[in-house]
Amino acid sequence: MPWPARSPDLTPMDFYVWGCMKSFVYSEPNPVSSVEDLRERIVDAANKMRTTLTTGVVKTGLRRRMRQCIRNRGSHVEHEL
């Protein structure tokens, strides 16, 4: 089956950003207590992500995934990374 043009194996937002944001939001020992608490955690996580994304981690990961996709001749790569 052909892959769609925006494969989640190659899209940085899917393979890195959302998972990292979620880990920042829920990393505190206390559970989310209210909608306002959740909003504050999301804003804090977004601020942390700004520094994380500038380190080149996403670029490096994307390049690695693209190379693996080429090696696999377009086949799935998620299980190999």
PDB file of N, CA and C in Angstrom:
ATOM      1  N   MET A   1       0.847  -1.176   0.000  1.00  0.00           N
ATOM      2  CA  MET A   1       0.000   0.000   0.000  1.00  0.00           C
ATOM      3  C   MET A   1       0.893   1.238   0.000  1.00  0.00           C
ATOM      4  N   PRO A   2       0.667   2.186  -0.907  1.00  0.00           N
ATOM      5  CA  PRO A   2       1.481   3.409  -0.939  1.00  0.00           C
ATOM      6  C   PRO A   2       1.265   4.257   0.313  1.00  0.00           C
ATOM      7  N   TRP A   3       2.320   4.917   0.720  1.00  0.00           N
ATOM      8  CA  TRP A   3       2.238   5.809   1.871  1.00  0.00           C
ATOM      9  C   TRP A   3       1.665   7.151   1.455  1.00  0.00           C
ATOM     10  N   PRO A   4       0.966   7.820   2.351  1.00  0.00           N
ATOM     11  CA  PRO A   4       0.518   9.187   2.052  1.00  0.00           C
ATOM     12  C   PRO A   4       1.718  10.135   1.987  1.00  0.00           C
ATOM     13  N   ALA A   5       1.515  11.284   1.400  1.00  0.00           N
ATOM     14  CA  ALA A   5       2.610  12.255   1.240  1.00  0.00           C
ATOM     15  C   ALA A   5       3.206  12.695   2.566  1.00  0.00           C
ATOM     16  N   ARG A   6       2.419  12.677   3.636  1.00  0.00           N
ATOM     17  CA  ARG A   6       2.920  13.120   4.949  1.00  0.00           C
ATOM     18  C   ARG A   6       3.019  11.928   5.889  1.00  0.00           C
ATOM     19  N   SER A   7       3.972  11.088   5.665  1.00  0.00           N
ATOM     20  CA  SER A   7       4.151   9.896   6.479  1.00  0.00           C
ATOM     21  C   SER A   7       4.508  10.279   7.916  1.00  0.00           C
ATOM     22  N   PRO A   8       3.834   9.708   8.922  1.00  0.00           N
ATOM     23  CA  PRO A   8       4.185  10.026  10.315  1.00  0.00           C
ATOM     24  C   PRO A   8       5.576   9.525  10.699  1.00  0.00           C
ATOM     25  N   ASP A   9       6.141   8.605   9.933  1.00  0.00           N
ATOM     26  CA  ASP A   9       7.507   8.169  10.210  1.00  0.00           C
ATOM     27  C   ASP A   9       8.515   9.260   9.904  1.00  0.00           C
ATOM     28  N   LEU A  10       8.137  10.223   9.068  1.00  0.00           N
ATOM     29  CA  LEU A  10       9.074  11.255   8.639  1.00  0.00           C
ATOM     30  C   LEU A  10       8.706  12.655   9.106  1.00  0.00           C
ATOM     31  N   THR A  11       7.547  12.851   9.707  1.00  0.00           N
ATOM     32  CA  THR A  11       7.103  14.162  10.122  1.00  0.00           C
ATOM     33  C   THR A  11       7.588  14.464  11.550  1.00  0.00           C
ATOM     34  N   PRO A  12       8.466  15.454  11.726  1.00  0.00           N
ATOM     35  CA  PRO A  12       9.001  15.735  13.069  1.00  0.00           C
ATOM     36  C   PRO A  12       7.931  16.021  14.118  1.00  0.00           C
ATOM     37  N   MET A  13       6.854  16.677  13.723  1.00  0.00           N
ATOM     38  CA  MET A  13       5.803  16.968  14.707  1.00  0.00           C
ATOM     39  C   MET A  13       5.231  15.672  15.279  1.00  0.00           C
ATOM     40  N   ASP A  14       5.102  14.660  14.448  1.00  0.00           N
ATOM     41  CA  ASP A  14       4.528  13.402  14.904  1.00  0.00           C
ATOM     42  C   ASP A  14       5.527  12.552  15.673  1.00  0.00           C
ATOM     43  N   PHE A  15       6.747  12.440  15.165  1.00  0.00           N
ATOM     44  CA  PHE A  15       7.665  11.504  15.811  1.00  0.00           C
ATOM     45  C   PHE A  15       8.423  12.096  16.985  1.00  0.00           C
ATOM     46  N   TYR A  16       8.406  13.402  17.158  1.00  0.00           N
ATOM     47  CA  TYR A  16       9.175  13.964  18.264  1.00  0.00           C
ATOM     48  C   TYR A  16       8.412  14.963  19.120  1.00  0.00           C
ATOM     49  N   VAL A  17       7.884  15.995  18.502  1.00  0.00           N
ATOM     50  CA  VAL A  17       7.373  17.140  19.255  1.00  0.00           C
ATOM     51  C   VAL A  17       6.229  16.764  20.186  1.00  0.00           C
ATOM     52  N   TRP A  18       5.200  16.081  19.676  1.00  0.00           N
ATOM     53  CA  TRP A  18       4.037  15.795  20.529  1.00  0.00           C
ATOM     54  C   TRP A  18       4.391  14.871  21.683  1.00  0.00           C
ATOM     55  N   GLY A  19       5.222  13.878  21.438  1.00  0.00           N
ATOM     56  CA  GLY A  19       5.635  12.978  22.519  1.00  0.00           C
ATOM     57  C   GLY A  19       6.445  13.701  23.581  1.00  0.00           C
ATOM     58  N   CYS A  20       7.328  14.585  23.135  1.00  0.00           N
ATOM     59  CA  CYS A  20       8.146  15.356  24.076  1.00  0.00           C
ATOM     60  C   CYS A  20       7.280  16.324  24.881  1.00  0.00           C
ATOM     61  N   MET A  21       6.357  17.002  24.210  1.00  0.00           N
ATOM     62  CA  MET A  21       5.440  17.913  24.921  1.00  0.00           C
ATOM     63  C   MET A  21       4.656  17.148  25.995  1.00  0.00           C
ATOM     64  N   LYS A  22       4.134  15.989  25.621  1.00  0.00           N
ATOM     65  CA  LYS A  22       3.345  15.194  26.566  1.00  0.00           C
ATOM     66  C   LYS A  22       4.204  14.798  27.767  1.00  0.00           C
ATOM     67  N   SER A  23       5.446  14.407  27.521  1.00  0.00           N
ATOM     68  CA  SER A  23       6.301  14.016  28.649  1.00  0.00           C
ATOM     69  C   SER A  23       6.582  15.204  29.563  1.00  0.00           C
ATOM     70  N   PHE A  24       6.768  16.406  28.997  1.00  0.00           N
ATOM     71  CA  PHE A  24       6.956  17.590  29.832  1.00  0.00           C
ATOM     72  C   PHE A  24       5.698  17.902  30.645  1.00  0.00           C
ATOM     73  N   VAL A  25       4.530  17.844  30.012  1.00  0.00           N
ATOM     74  CA  VAL A  25       3.271  18.187  30.685  1.00  0.00           C
ATOM     75  C   VAL A  25       2.988  17.241  31.842  1.00  0.00           C
ATOM     76  N   TYR A  26       3.243  15.960  31.654  1.00  0.00           N
ATOM     77  CA  TYR A  26       2.882  14.973  32.685  1.00  0.00           C
ATOM     78  C   TYR A  26       4.071  14.506  33.519  1.00  0.00           C
ATOM     79  N   SER A  27       5.206  15.203  33.447  1.00  0.00           N
ATOM     80  CA  SER A  27       6.387  14.780  34.206  1.00  0.00           C
ATOM     81  C   SER A  27       6.311  15.138  35.689  1.00  0.00           C
ATOM     82  N   GLU A  28       5.444  16.067  36.036  1.00  0.00           N
ATOM     83  CA  GLU A  28       5.319  16.439  37.445  1.00  0.00           C
ATOM     84  C   GLU A  28       4.707  15.285  38.236  1.00  0.00           C
ATOM     85  N   PRO A  29       5.121  15.141  39.486  1.00  0.00           N
ATOM     86  CA  PRO A  29       4.613  14.017  40.284  1.00  0.00           C
ATOM     87  C   PRO A  29       3.113  14.100  40.591  1.00  0.00           C
ATOM     88  N   ASN A  30       2.588  15.301  40.650  1.00  0.00           N
ATOM     89  CA  ASN A  30       1.158  15.457  40.955  1.00  0.00           C
ATOM     90  C   ASN A  30       0.332  15.407  39.678  1.00  0.00           C
ATOM     91  N   PRO A  31      -0.822  14.750  39.714  1.00  0.00           N
ATOM     92  CA  PRO A  31      -1.681  14.728  38.532  1.00  0.00           C
ATOM     93  C   PRO A  31      -2.245  16.114  38.236  1.00  0.00           C
ATOM     94  N   VAL A  32      -2.687  16.308  37.006  1.00  0.00           N
ATOM     95  CA  VAL A  32      -3.296  17.583  36.604  1.00  0.00           C
ATOM     96  C   VAL A  32      -4.562  17.771  37.434  1.00  0.00           C
ATOM     97  N   SER A  33      -4.685  18.939  38.085  1.00  0.00           N
ATOM     98  CA  SER A  33      -5.797  19.151  39.007  1.00  0.00           C
ATOM     99  C   SER A  33      -6.944  19.976  38.429  1.00  0.00           C
ATOM    100  N   SER A  34      -6.671  20.719  37.348  1.00  0.00           N
ATOM    101  CA  SER A  34      -7.718  21.569  36.771  1.00  0.00           C
ATOM    102  C   SER A  34      -7.336  21.932  35.340  1.00  0.00           C
ATOM    103  N   VAL A  35      -8.269  22.527  34.649  1.00  0.00           N
ATOM    104  CA  VAL A  35      -7.999  22.984  33.285  1.00  0.00           C
ATOM    105  C   VAL A  35      -6.912  24.064  33.304  1.00  0.00           C
ATOM    106  N   GLU A  36      -6.974  24.941  34.280  1.00  0.00           N
ATOM    107  CA  GLU A  36      -5.962  26.000  34.392  1.00  0.00           C
ATOM    108  C   GLU A  36      -4.575  25.405  34.650  1.00  0.00           C
ATOM    109  N   ASP A  37      -4.492  24.399  35.507  1.00  0.00           N
ATOM    110  CA  ASP A  37      -3.227  23.709  35.766  1.00  0.00           C
ATOM    111  C   ASP A  37      -2.694  23.093  34.473  1.00  0.00           C
ATOM    112  N   LEU A  38      -3.560  22.457  33.708  1.00  0.00           N
ATOM    113  CA  LEU A  38      -3.157  21.857  32.440  1.00  0.00           C
ATOM    114  C   LEU A  38      -2.650  22.924  31.474  1.00  0.00           C
ATOM    115  N   ARG A  39      -3.346  24.041  31.389  1.00  0.00           N
ATOM    116  CA  ARG A  39      -2.909  25.140  30.514  1.00  0.00           C
ATOM    117  C   ARG A  39      -1.516  25.633  30.906  1.00  0.00           C
ATOM    118  N   GLU A  40      -1.291  25.818  32.192  1.00  0.00           N
ATOM    119  CA  GLU A  40       0.017  26.288  32.671  1.00  0.00           C
ATOM    120  C   GLU A  40       1.114  25.291  32.314  1.00  0.00           C
ATOM    121  N   ARG A  41       0.814  24.015  32.479  1.00  0.00           N
ATOM    122  CA  ARG A  41       1.804  22.987  32.153  1.00  0.00           C
ATOM    123  C   ARG A  41       2.113  22.973  30.657  1.00  0.00           C
ATOM    124  N   ILE A  42       1.093  23.174  29.843  1.00  0.00           N
ATOM    125  CA  ILE A  42       1.303  23.189  28.389  1.00  0.00           C
ATOM    126  C   ILE A  42       2.159  24.384  27.993  1.00  0.00           C
ATOM    127  N   VAL A  43       1.894  25.550  28.572  1.00  0.00           N
ATOM    128  CA  VAL A  43       2.703  26.742  28.282  1.00  0.00           C
ATOM    129  C   VAL A  43       4.148  26.513  28.726  1.00  0.00           C
ATOM    130  N   ASP A  44       4.340  25.959  29.918  1.00  0.00           N
ATOM    131  CA  ASP A  44       5.692  25.663  30.404  1.00  0.00           C
ATOM    132  C   ASP A  44       6.397  24.677  29.477  1.00  0.00           C
ATOM    133  N   ALA A  45       5.667  23.650  29.047  1.00  0.00           N
ATOM    134  CA  ALA A  45       6.241  22.646  28.144  1.00  0.00           C
ATOM    135  C   ALA A  45       6.633  23.285  26.813  1.00  0.00           C
ATOM    136  N   ALA A  46       5.800  24.178  26.300  1.00  0.00           N
ATOM    137  CA  ALA A  46       6.112  24.859  25.034  1.00  0.00           C
ATOM    138  C   ALA A  46       7.378  25.706  25.184  1.00  0.00           C
ATOM    139  N   ASN A  47       7.537  26.355  26.325  1.00  0.00           N
ATOM    140  CA  ASN A  47       8.750  27.140  26.560  1.00  0.00           C
ATOM    141  C   ASN A  47       9.979  26.236  26.623  1.00  0.00           C
ATOM    142  N   LYS A  48       9.867  25.075  27.251  1.00  0.00           N
ATOM    143  CA  LYS A  48      10.983  24.119  27.291  1.00  0.00           C
ATOM    144  C   LYS A  48      11.295  23.594  25.896  1.00  0.00           C
ATOM    145  N   MET A  49      10.247  23.392  25.101  1.00  0.00           N
ATOM    146  CA  MET A  49      10.434  22.871  23.749  1.00  0.00           C
ATOM    147  C   MET A  49      11.214  23.851  22.884  1.00  0.00           C
ATOM    148  N   ARG A  50      11.056  25.118  23.113  1.00  0.00           N
ATOM    149  CA  ARG A  50      11.798  26.109  22.321  1.00  0.00           C
ATOM    150  C   ARG A  50      13.295  25.864  22.426  1.00  0.00           C
ATOM    151  N   THR A  51      13.763  25.595  23.628  1.00  0.00           N
ATOM    152  CA  THR A  51      15.199  25.341  23.797  1.00  0.00           C
ATOM    153  C   THR A  51      15.575  23.961  23.271  1.00  0.00           C
ATOM    154  N   THR A  52      14.707  22.993  23.435  1.00  0.00           N
ATOM    155  CA  THR A  52      14.989  21.635  22.968  1.00  0.00           C
ATOM    156  C   THR A  52      15.098  21.596  21.450  1.00  0.00           C
ATOM    157  N   LEU A  53      14.204  22.280  20.759  1.00  0.00           N
ATOM    158  CA  LEU A  53      14.190  22.235  19.300  1.00  0.00           C
ATOM    159  C   LEU A  53      15.373  22.941  18.675  1.00  0.00           C
ATOM    160  N   THR A  54      15.978  23.872  19.392  1.00  0.00           N
ATOM    161  CA  THR A  54      17.117  24.586  18.827  1.00  0.00           C
ATOM    162  C   THR A  54      18.404  23.786  18.930  1.00  0.00           C
ATOM    163  N   THR A  55      18.392  22.661  19.618  1.00  0.00           N
ATOM    164  CA  THR A  55      19.616  21.864  19.763  1.00  0.00           C
ATOM    165  C   THR A  55      19.913  21.010  18.543  1.00  0.00           C
ATOM    166  N   GLY A  56      18.977  20.895  17.615  1.00  0.00           N
ATOM    167  CA  GLY A  56      19.214  20.095  16.419  1.00  0.00           C
ATOM    168  C   GLY A  56      18.771  18.657  16.559  1.00  0.00           C
ATOM    169  N   VAL A  57      18.182  18.300  17.689  1.00  0.00           N
ATOM    170  CA  VAL A  57      17.736  16.923  17.916  1.00  0.00           C
ATOM    171  C   VAL A  57      16.739  16.494  16.845  1.00  0.00           C
ATOM    172  N   VAL A  58      15.814  17.356  16.526  1.00  0.00           N
ATOM    173  CA  VAL A  58      14.789  17.011  15.536  1.00  0.00           C
ATOM    174  C   VAL A  58      15.418  16.850  14.158  1.00  0.00           C
ATOM    175  N   LYS A  59      16.328  17.748  13.795  1.00  0.00           N
ATOM    176  CA  LYS A  59      16.978  17.640  12.485  1.00  0.00           C
ATOM    177  C   LYS A  59      17.753  16.336  12.370  1.00  0.00           C
ATOM    178  N   THR A  60      18.488  15.986  13.411  1.00  0.00           N
ATOM    179  CA  THR A  60      19.259  14.753  13.400  1.00  0.00           C
ATOM    180  C   THR A  60      18.336  13.547  13.282  1.00  0.00           C
ATOM    181  N   GLY A  61      17.267  13.537  14.037  1.00  0.00           N
ATOM    182  CA  GLY A  61      16.322  12.425  13.988  1.00  0.00           C
ATOM    183  C   GLY A  61      15.646  12.314  12.635  1.00  0.00           C
ATOM    184  N   LEU A  62      15.314  13.432  12.034  1.00  0.00           N
ATOM    185  CA  LEU A  62      14.666  13.420  10.725  1.00  0.00           C
ATOM    186  C   LEU A  62      15.622  12.863   9.672  1.00  0.00           C
ATOM    187  N   ARG A  63      16.861  13.286   9.714  1.00  0.00           N
ATOM    188  CA  ARG A  63      17.841  12.770   8.753  1.00  0.00           C
ATOM    189  C   ARG A  63      17.994  11.261   8.906  1.00  0.00           C
ATOM    190  N   ARG A  64      18.074  10.792  10.147  1.00  0.00           N
ATOM    191  CA  ARG A  64      18.214   9.355  10.401  1.00  0.00           C
ATOM    192  C   ARG A  64      17.011   8.591   9.845  1.00  0.00           C
ATOM    193  N   ARG A  65      15.813   9.120  10.052  1.00  0.00           N
ATOM    194  CA  ARG A  65      14.602   8.465   9.540  1.00  0.00           C
ATOM    195  C   ARG A  65      14.553   8.474   8.020  1.00  0.00           C
ATOM    196  N   MET A  66      14.981   9.563   7.405  1.00  0.00           N
ATOM    197  CA  MET A  66      14.984   9.622   5.948  1.00  0.00           C
ATOM    198  C   MET A  66      15.962   8.612   5.359  1.00  0.00           C
ATOM    199  N   ARG A  67      17.145   8.535   5.956  1.00  0.00           N
ATOM    200  CA  ARG A  67      18.128   7.552   5.476  1.00  0.00           C
ATOM    201  C   ARG A  67      17.584   6.128   5.595  1.00  0.00           C
ATOM    202  N   GLN A  68      16.948   5.839   6.727  1.00  0.00           N
ATOM    203  CA  GLN A  68      16.391   4.504   6.930  1.00  0.00           C
ATOM    204  C   GLN A  68      15.272   4.224   5.924  1.00  0.00           C
ATOM    205  N   CYS A  69      14.463   5.202   5.630  1.00  0.00           N
ATOM    206  CA  CYS A  69      13.392   5.046   4.647  1.00  0.00           C
ATOM    207  C   CYS A  69      13.976   4.746   3.265  1.00  0.00           C
ATOM    208  N   ILE A  70      15.051   5.428   2.911  1.00  0.00           N
ATOM    209  CA  ILE A  70      15.717   5.171   1.627  1.00  0.00           C
ATOM    210  C   ILE A  70      16.275   3.756   1.606  1.00  0.00           C
ATOM    211  N   ARG A  71      16.931   3.341   2.698  1.00  0.00           N
ATOM    212  CA  ARG A  71      17.468   1.974   2.776  1.00  0.00           C
ATOM    213  C   ARG A  71      16.375   0.927   2.626  1.00  0.00           C
ATOM    214  N   ASN A  72      15.205   1.224   3.181  1.00  0.00           N
ATOM    215  CA  ASN A  72      14.077   0.277   3.136  1.00  0.00           C
ATOM    216  C   ASN A  72      13.249   0.433   1.863  1.00  0.00           C
ATOM    217  N   ARG A  73      13.710   1.262   0.951  1.00  0.00           N
ATOM    218  CA  ARG A  73      13.021   1.517  -0.316  1.00  0.00           C
ATOM    219  C   ARG A  73      11.570   1.936  -0.104  1.00  0.00           C
ATOM    220  N   GLY A  74      11.375   2.829   0.857  1.00  0.00           N
ATOM    221  CA  GLY A  74      10.048   3.394   1.107  1.00  0.00           C
ATOM    222  C   GLY A  74       9.200   2.599   2.074  1.00  0.00           C
ATOM    223  N   SER A  75       9.714   1.511   2.591  1.00  0.00           N
ATOM    224  CA  SER A  75       8.948   0.689   3.534  1.00  0.00           C
ATOM    225  C   SER A  75       8.927   1.357   4.907  1.00  0.00           C
ATOM    226  N   HIS A  76       8.116   0.835   5.816  1.00  0.00           N
ATOM    227  CA  HIS A  76       8.005   1.391   7.166  1.00  0.00           C
ATOM    228  C   HIS A  76       9.351   1.371   7.880  1.00  0.00           C
ATOM    229  N   VAL A  77       9.592   2.391   8.699  1.00  0.00           N
ATOM    230  CA  VAL A  77      10.848   2.481   9.420  1.00  0.00           C
ATOM    231  C   VAL A  77      10.669   2.591  10.918  1.00  0.00           C
ATOM    232  N   GLU A  78       9.470   2.893  11.380  1.00  0.00           N
ATOM    233  CA  GLU A  78       9.243   3.195  12.806  1.00  0.00           C
ATOM    234  C   GLU A  78       9.736   2.066  13.718  1.00  0.00           C
ATOM    235  N   HIS A  79       9.498   0.831  13.349  1.00  0.00           N
ATOM    236  CA  HIS A  79       9.900  -0.298  14.201  1.00  0.00           C
ATOM    237  C   HIS A  79      11.392  -0.528  14.232  1.00  0.00           C
ATOM    238  N   GLU A  80      12.146   0.104  13.328  1.00  0.00           N
ATOM    239  CA  GLU A  80      13.592  -0.095  13.245  1.00  0.00           C
ATOM    240  C   GLU A  80      14.375   1.004  13.928  1.00  0.00           C
ATOM    241  N   LEU A  81      13.712   2.059  14.371  1.00  0.00           N
ATOM    242  CA  LEU A  81      14.445   3.202  14.932  1.00  0.00           C
ATOM    243  C   LEU A  81      14.437   3.207  16.429  1.00  0.00           C
TER     244      LEU A  81
END
